[in-house]
C-alpha atoms as a PDB file:
ATOM      1  CA  MET A   1      -4.495 -10.682 -11.124  1.00  0.00           C
ATOM      2  CA  THR A   2      -2.382  -7.895 -12.710  1.00  0.00           C
ATOM      3  CA  ILE A   3      -1.769  -4.649 -11.193  1.00  0.00           C
ATOM      4  CA  LYS A   4      -3.682  -3.372 -13.960  1.00  0.00           C
ATOM      5  CA  GLU A   5      -6.746  -5.421 -13.535  1.00  0.00           C
ATOM      6  CA  ALA A   6      -6.277  -4.754  -9.883  1.00  0.00           C
ATOM      7  CA  GLN A   7      -6.991  -0.866 -10.520  1.00  0.00           C
ATOM      8  CA  GLU A   8      -9.782  -1.584 -12.960  1.00  0.00           C
ATOM      9  CA  ALA A   9     -11.737  -3.893 -10.468  1.00  0.00           C
ATOM     10  CA  VAL A  10     -11.389  -1.119  -7.736  1.00  0.00           C
ATOM     11  CA  ASP A  11     -12.861   1.550 -10.026  1.00  0.00           C
ATOM     12  CA  GLN A  12     -15.224  -0.910 -11.384  1.00  0.00           C
ATOM     13  CA  TRP A  13     -16.301  -1.802  -7.641  1.00  0.00           C
ATOM     14  CA  ILE A  14     -15.717   2.065  -6.553  1.00  0.00           C
ATOM     15  CA  ASN A  15     -18.388   3.361  -9.497  1.00  0.00           C
ATOM     16  CA  THR A  16     -21.317   0.995  -8.591  1.00  0.00           C
ATOM     17  CA  THR A  17     -21.077  -0.772  -5.187  1.00  0.00           C
ATOM     18  CA  GLY A  18     -19.429   2.455  -3.424  1.00  0.00           C
ATOM     19  CA  VAL A  19     -21.092   5.338  -5.419  1.00  0.00           C
ATOM     20  CA  ARG A  20     -18.139   7.223  -6.065  1.00  0.00           C
ATOM     21  CA  TYR A  21     -14.553   8.106  -5.014  1.00  0.00           C
ATOM     22  CA  PHE A  22     -13.740   9.845  -1.566  1.00  0.00           C
ATOM     23  CA  ASN A  23     -11.863  12.989  -2.494  1.00  0.00           C
ATOM     24  CA  GLU A  24      -8.185  12.999  -3.090  1.00  0.00           C
ATOM     25  CA  LEU A  25      -7.434  14.328   0.371  1.00  0.00           C
ATOM     26  CA  THR A  26      -9.787  12.063   2.030  1.00  0.00           C
ATOM     27  CA  ASN A  27      -8.413   8.848   0.426  1.00  0.00           C
ATOM     28  CA  MET A  28      -5.299  10.408   1.645  1.00  0.00           C
ATOM     29  CA  THR A  29      -6.012  10.265   4.936  1.00  0.00           C
ATOM     30  CA  ILE A  30      -7.550   6.753   4.406  1.00  0.00           C
ATOM     31  CA  LEU A  31      -4.204   5.665   3.245  1.00  0.00           C
ATOM     32  CA  THR A  32      -2.303   7.109   6.172  1.00  0.00           C
ATOM     33  CA  GLU A  33      -5.025   5.744   8.482  1.00  0.00           C
ATOM     34  CA  GLU A  34      -4.659   2.024   6.768  1.00  0.00           C
ATOM     35  CA  VAL A  35      -1.122   2.140   7.089  1.00  0.00           C
ATOM     36  CA  GLY A  36      -0.938   2.764  10.820  1.00  0.00           C
ATOM     37  CA  GLU A  37      -3.468   0.054  11.541  1.00  0.00           C
ATOM     38  CA  LEU A  38      -0.865  -2.044   9.612  1.00  0.00           C
ATOM     39  CA  ALA A  39       1.638  -0.785  11.590  1.00  0.00           C
ATOM     40  CA  ARG A  40      -0.176  -1.461  14.408  1.00  0.00           C
ATOM     41  CA  ILE A  41      -0.217  -5.276  14.198  1.00  0.00           C
ATOM     42  CA  MET A  42       3.176  -5.183  12.750  1.00  0.00           C
ATOM     43  CA  ALA A  43       4.357  -3.716  15.854  1.00  0.00           C
ATOM     44  CA  ARG A  44       2.870  -6.362  17.763  1.00  0.00           C
ATOM     45  CA  THR A  45       3.428  -9.411  15.876  1.00  0.00           C
ATOM     46  CA  TYR A  46       7.009  -8.588  14.857  1.00  0.00           C
ATOM     47  CA  GLY A  47       7.922  -5.714  17.717  1.00  0.00           C
ATOM     48  CA  GLU A  48       7.903  -5.706  21.490  1.00  0.00           C
ATOM     49  CA  GLN A  49       4.237  -4.193  22.126  1.00  0.00           C
ATOM     50  CA  SER A  50       1.748  -6.671  23.064  1.00  0.00           C
ATOM     51  CA  PHE A  51      -1.600  -7.082  21.768  1.00  0.00           C
ATOM     52  CA  LYS A  52      -4.575  -5.483  23.168  1.00  0.00           C
ATOM     53  CA  GLU A  53      -7.774  -7.164  23.405  1.00  0.00           C
ATOM     54  CA  SER A  54      -9.120  -4.551  20.445  1.00  0.00           C
ATOM     55  CA  ASP A  55      -6.007  -5.697  17.974  1.00  0.00           C
ATOM     56  CA  LYS A  56      -6.978  -9.660  18.523  1.00  0.00           C
ATOM     57  CA  ASP A  57      -8.972  -9.806  15.475  1.00  0.00           C
ATOM     58  CA  ARG A  58      -6.951  -7.939  13.161  1.00  0.00           C
ATOM     59  CA  ASN A  59      -5.684  -9.603  10.224  1.00  0.00           C
ATOM     60  CA  LEU A  60      -2.093  -8.921   8.465  1.00  0.00           C
ATOM     61  CA  GLU A  61      -3.214  -9.933   4.835  1.00  0.00           C
ATOM     62  CA  ASP A  62      -6.306  -7.739   5.319  1.00  0.00           C
ATOM     63  CA  GLU A  63      -4.515  -4.957   6.436  1.00  0.00           C
ATOM     64  CA  MET A  64      -1.852  -5.131   3.847  1.00  0.00           C
ATOM     65  CA  ALA A  65      -5.048  -5.222   1.510  1.00  0.00           C
ATOM     66  CA  ASP A  66      -6.436  -2.176   2.789  1.00  0.00           C
ATOM     67  CA  VAL A  67      -3.411   0.172   2.384  1.00  0.00           C
ATOM     68  CA  LEU A  68      -2.910  -1.523  -1.319  1.00  0.00           C
ATOM     69  CA  TRP A  69      -7.280  -0.573  -2.181  1.00  0.00           C
ATOM     70  CA  VAL A  70      -6.461   2.891  -1.146  1.00  0.00           C
ATOM     71  CA  LEU A  71      -3.250   3.124  -2.818  1.00  0.00           C
ATOM     72  CA  MET A  72      -5.070   2.319  -6.046  1.00  0.00           C
ATOM     73  CA  CYS A  73      -7.981   4.603  -5.504  1.00  0.00           C
ATOM     74  CA  LEU A  74      -5.275   7.215  -5.467  1.00  0.00           C
ATOM     75  CA  ALA A  75      -3.936   6.485  -8.530  1.00  0.00           C
ATOM     76  CA  ASN A  76      -7.178   5.531 -10.224  1.00  0.00           C
ATOM     77  CA  GLN A  77      -8.110   9.264  -9.301  1.00  0.00           C
ATOM     78  CA  THR A  78      -4.701  10.693 -10.256  1.00  0.00           C
ATOM     79  CA  GLY A  79      -4.096   9.002 -13.640  1.00  0.00           C
ATOM     80  CA  VAL A  80      -1.022   6.765 -12.201  1.00  0.00           C
ATOM     81  CA  ASP A  81      -0.759   3.929 -13.793  1.00  0.00           C
ATOM     82  CA  LEU A  82       1.024   1.501 -11.309  1.00  0.00           C
ATOM     83  CA  THR A  83       2.018  -1.120 -13.496  1.00  0.00           C
ATOM     84  CA  GLN A  84       4.172   1.747 -15.336  1.00  0.00           C
ATOM     85  CA  ALA A  85       5.121   3.327 -11.924  1.00  0.00           C
ATOM     86  CA  LEU A  86       6.399   0.419 -10.796  1.00  0.00           C
ATOM     87  CA  HIS A  87       8.450  -0.508 -13.770  1.00  0.00           C
ATOM     88  CA  LYS A  88      10.022   2.931 -13.915  1.00  0.00           C
ATOM     89  CA  ASN A  89      10.878   2.714 -10.192  1.00  0.00           C
ATOM     90  CA  PHE A  90      12.902  -0.229 -10.778  1.00  0.00           C
ATOM     91  CA  GLU A  91      14.671   1.073 -13.776  1.00  0.00           C
ATOM     92  CA  LYS A  92      15.216   4.117 -10.918  1.00  0.00           C
ATOM     93  CA  LYS A  93      16.732   1.801  -8.392  1.00  0.00           C
ATOM     94  CA  ASN A  94      18.558  -0.354 -11.023  1.00  0.00           C
ATOM     95  CA  ILE A  95      20.706   2.600 -11.695  1.00  0.00           C
ATOM     96  CA  ARG A  96      20.613   4.544  -8.478  1.00  0.00           C
ATOM     97  CA  ASP A  97      21.289   1.640  -6.214  1.00  0.00           C
ATOM     98  CA  ILE A  98      23.451  -0.627  -8.874  1.00  0.00           C
ATOM     99  CA  ASP A  99      26.550  -0.971  -5.750  1.00  0.00           C
ATOM    100  CA  ARG A 100      24.690   0.880  -3.052  1.00  0.00           C
ATOM    101  CA  HIS A 101      23.164  -2.143  -0.698  1.00  0.00           C
ATOM    102  CA  LYS A 102      26.400  -4.009  -1.953  1.00  0.00           C
ATOM    103  CA  ASN A 103      28.810  -1.749  -0.851  1.00  0.00           C
ATOM    104  CA  ASN A 104      27.005  -0.922   2.437  1.00  0.00           C
ATOM    105  CA  GLU A 105      28.853  -2.421   5.625  1.00  0.00           C
ATOM    106  CA  LYS A 106      25.674  -2.468   7.559  1.00  0.00           C
ATOM    107  CA  LEU A 107      24.315  -5.449   5.517  1.00  0.00           C
ATOM    108  CA  LYS A 108      27.203  -7.421   5.552  1.00  0.00           C
END
């Protein structure tokens, strides 16, 4: 599935099963919540925190997909083509960061 196809699939689901989009501010808040849930798993899996009983059924893949889902909702609502945006972002990084990371002593 391409990013465009995924955006279209999210839109179709929202407009049928989901009835309608939450407003943009609500979705931004939901995105923040989902990123927090992802951060919790990362901190407990790769960081120094231990899992709580309530964390044990959490799934890294599922939390990442939740973040992506809500991001696609926001993109659909605001008219952002994420494929095009990602291409432009690569162009920006390729110009801005052409030597930046190679010259970073911290990365050697």
